[in-house]
C-alpha atoms as a PDB file:
ATOM      1  CA  UNK A   1     -15.186  -0.140  -7.462  1.00  0.00           C
ATOM      2  CA  UNK A   2     -11.931   1.152  -5.976  1.00  0.00           C
ATOM      3  CA  UNK A   3     -11.128   0.652  -2.317  1.00  0.00           C
ATOM      4  CA  UNK A   4      -9.158   3.198  -0.328  1.00  0.00           C
ATOM      5  CA  UNK A   5      -7.008   2.973   2.771  1.00  0.00           C
ATOM      6  CA  UNK A   6      -4.617   5.204   4.665  1.00  0.00           C
ATOM      7  CA  UNK A   7      -0.963   4.456   5.360  1.00  0.00           C
ATOM      8  CA  UNK A   8      -0.419   5.431   9.005  1.00  0.00           C
ATOM      9  CA  UNK A   9       2.712   3.447   9.878  1.00  0.00           C
ATOM     10  CA  UNK A  10       5.951   2.115   8.457  1.00  0.00           C
ATOM     11  CA  UNK A  11       4.873   0.399   5.209  1.00  0.00           C
ATOM     12  CA  UNK A  12       7.469  -0.613   2.615  1.00  0.00           C
ATOM     13  CA  UNK A  13       7.779  -2.474  -0.650  1.00  0.00           C
ATOM     14  CA  UNK A  14      10.831  -4.148  -2.144  1.00  0.00           C
ATOM     15  CA  UNK A  15      11.466  -3.764  -5.879  1.00  0.00           C
ATOM     16  CA  UNK A  16      13.165  -6.906  -7.158  1.00  0.00           C
ATOM     17  CA  UNK A  17      16.185  -7.693  -4.997  1.00  0.00           C
ATOM     18  CA  UNK A  18      16.570  -4.066  -3.896  1.00  0.00           C
ATOM     19  CA  UNK A  19      16.297  -2.421  -0.521  1.00  0.00           C
ATOM     20  CA  UNK A  20      12.861  -1.757   0.993  1.00  0.00           C
ATOM     21  CA  UNK A  21      11.322   1.563  -0.074  1.00  0.00           C
ATOM     22  CA  UNK A  22       8.815   3.333   2.187  1.00  0.00           C
ATOM     23  CA  UNK A  23       5.324   4.163   0.989  1.00  0.00           C
ATOM     24  CA  UNK A  24       4.569   7.674   2.250  1.00  0.00           C
ATOM     25  CA  UNK A  25       1.835   8.171   4.838  1.00  0.00           C
ATOM     26  CA  UNK A  26      -1.516   9.109   3.344  1.00  0.00           C
ATOM     27  CA  UNK A  27      -4.314   7.812   1.155  1.00  0.00           C
ATOM     28  CA  UNK A  28      -3.767   4.865  -1.187  1.00  0.00           C
ATOM     29  CA  UNK A  29      -6.015   3.090  -3.644  1.00  0.00           C
ATOM     30  CA  UNK A  30      -6.036  -0.663  -3.075  1.00  0.00           C
ATOM     31  CA  UNK A  31      -6.801  -3.405  -5.596  1.00  0.00           C
ATOM     32  CA  UNK A  32      -6.955  -6.829  -3.956  1.00  0.00           C
ATOM     33  CA  UNK A  33      -6.270 -10.116  -5.692  1.00  0.00           C
ATOM     34  CA  UNK A  34      -6.170 -13.558  -4.068  1.00  0.00           C
ATOM     35  CA  UNK A  35      -2.361 -13.440  -3.766  1.00  0.00           C
ATOM     36  CA  UNK A  36      -1.473  -9.727  -3.874  1.00  0.00           C
ATOM     37  CA  UNK A  37      -2.508  -6.166  -3.130  1.00  0.00           C
ATOM     38  CA  UNK A  38      -1.731  -3.365  -5.563  1.00  0.00           C
ATOM     39  CA  UNK A  39      -1.308   0.010  -3.884  1.00  0.00           C
ATOM     40  CA  UNK A  40      -1.262   3.298  -5.787  1.00  0.00           C
ATOM     41  CA  UNK A  41      -0.724   6.798  -4.422  1.00  0.00           C
ATOM     42  CA  UNK A  42       0.163  10.348  -5.400  1.00  0.00           C
ATOM     43  CA  UNK A  43       3.958  10.583  -5.150  1.00  0.00           C
ATOM     44  CA  UNK A  44       3.913  14.344  -5.822  1.00  0.00           C
ATOM     45  CA  UNK A  45       4.765  16.506  -8.819  1.00  0.00           C
ATOM     46  CA  UNK A  46       2.193  14.706 -10.964  1.00  0.00           C
ATOM     47  CA  UNK A  47       3.879  11.322 -10.421  1.00  0.00           C
ATOM     48  CA  UNK A  48       1.883   8.261  -9.430  1.00  0.00           C
ATOM     49  CA  UNK A  49       3.408   5.650  -7.151  1.00  0.00           C
ATOM     50  CA  UNK A  50       2.295   2.071  -7.603  1.00  0.00           C
ATOM     51  CA  UNK A  51       3.432  -1.288  -6.284  1.00  0.00           C
ATOM     52  CA  UNK A  52       2.136  -4.773  -5.673  1.00  0.00           C
ATOM     53  CA  UNK A  53       2.878  -6.535  -2.401  1.00  0.00           C
ATOM     54  CA  UNK A  54       2.026 -10.071  -1.290  1.00  0.00           C
ATOM     55  CA  UNK A  55      -1.490 -10.313   0.175  1.00  0.00           C
ATOM     56  CA  UNK A  56      -0.110 -11.835   3.370  1.00  0.00           C
ATOM     57  CA  UNK A  57       2.153  -8.792   3.855  1.00  0.00           C
ATOM     58  CA  UNK A  58      -0.798  -6.451   3.234  1.00  0.00           C
ATOM     59  CA  UNK A  59      -2.864  -8.388   5.797  1.00  0.00           C
ATOM     60  CA  UNK A  60      -0.004  -8.084   8.312  1.00  0.00           C
ATOM     61  CA  UNK A  61       0.082  -4.299   7.807  1.00  0.00           C
ATOM     62  CA  UNK A  62      -3.692  -4.165   8.403  1.00  0.00           C
ATOM     63  CA  UNK A  63      -3.458  -6.316  11.524  1.00  0.00           C
ATOM     64  CA  UNK A  64      -0.597  -4.187  12.883  1.00  0.00           C
ATOM     65  CA  UNK A  65      -2.568  -0.961  12.270  1.00  0.00           C
ATOM     66  CA  UNK A  66      -0.043   0.388   9.739  1.00  0.00           C
ATOM     67  CA  UNK A  67      -2.724   0.455   7.039  1.00  0.00           C
ATOM     68  CA  UNK A  68      -6.300   1.425   7.923  1.00  0.00           C
ATOM     69  CA  UNK A  69      -9.298   0.955   5.624  1.00  0.00           C
ATOM     70  CA  UNK A  70     -11.317   4.080   4.888  1.00  0.00           C
ATOM     71  CA  UNK A  71     -14.941   3.830   5.902  1.00  0.00           C
ATOM     72  CA  UNK A  72     -17.363   3.873   2.992  1.00  0.00           C
END
């Protein structure tokens, strides 16, 4: 069953050794694994955005209020 959250603050991901890229504010689907969180969102124009970030980074974003779980 998918889980959903809302990006409400400055949340980024880093592809490879590149510069951090912001995830736009709004609804994301979240798939949690023991060591990572995969976030997917509508990037506009029929394009899906998707990235995996370390679970500890995801937990930090939750704690800091930058990502908020949707209530079921």
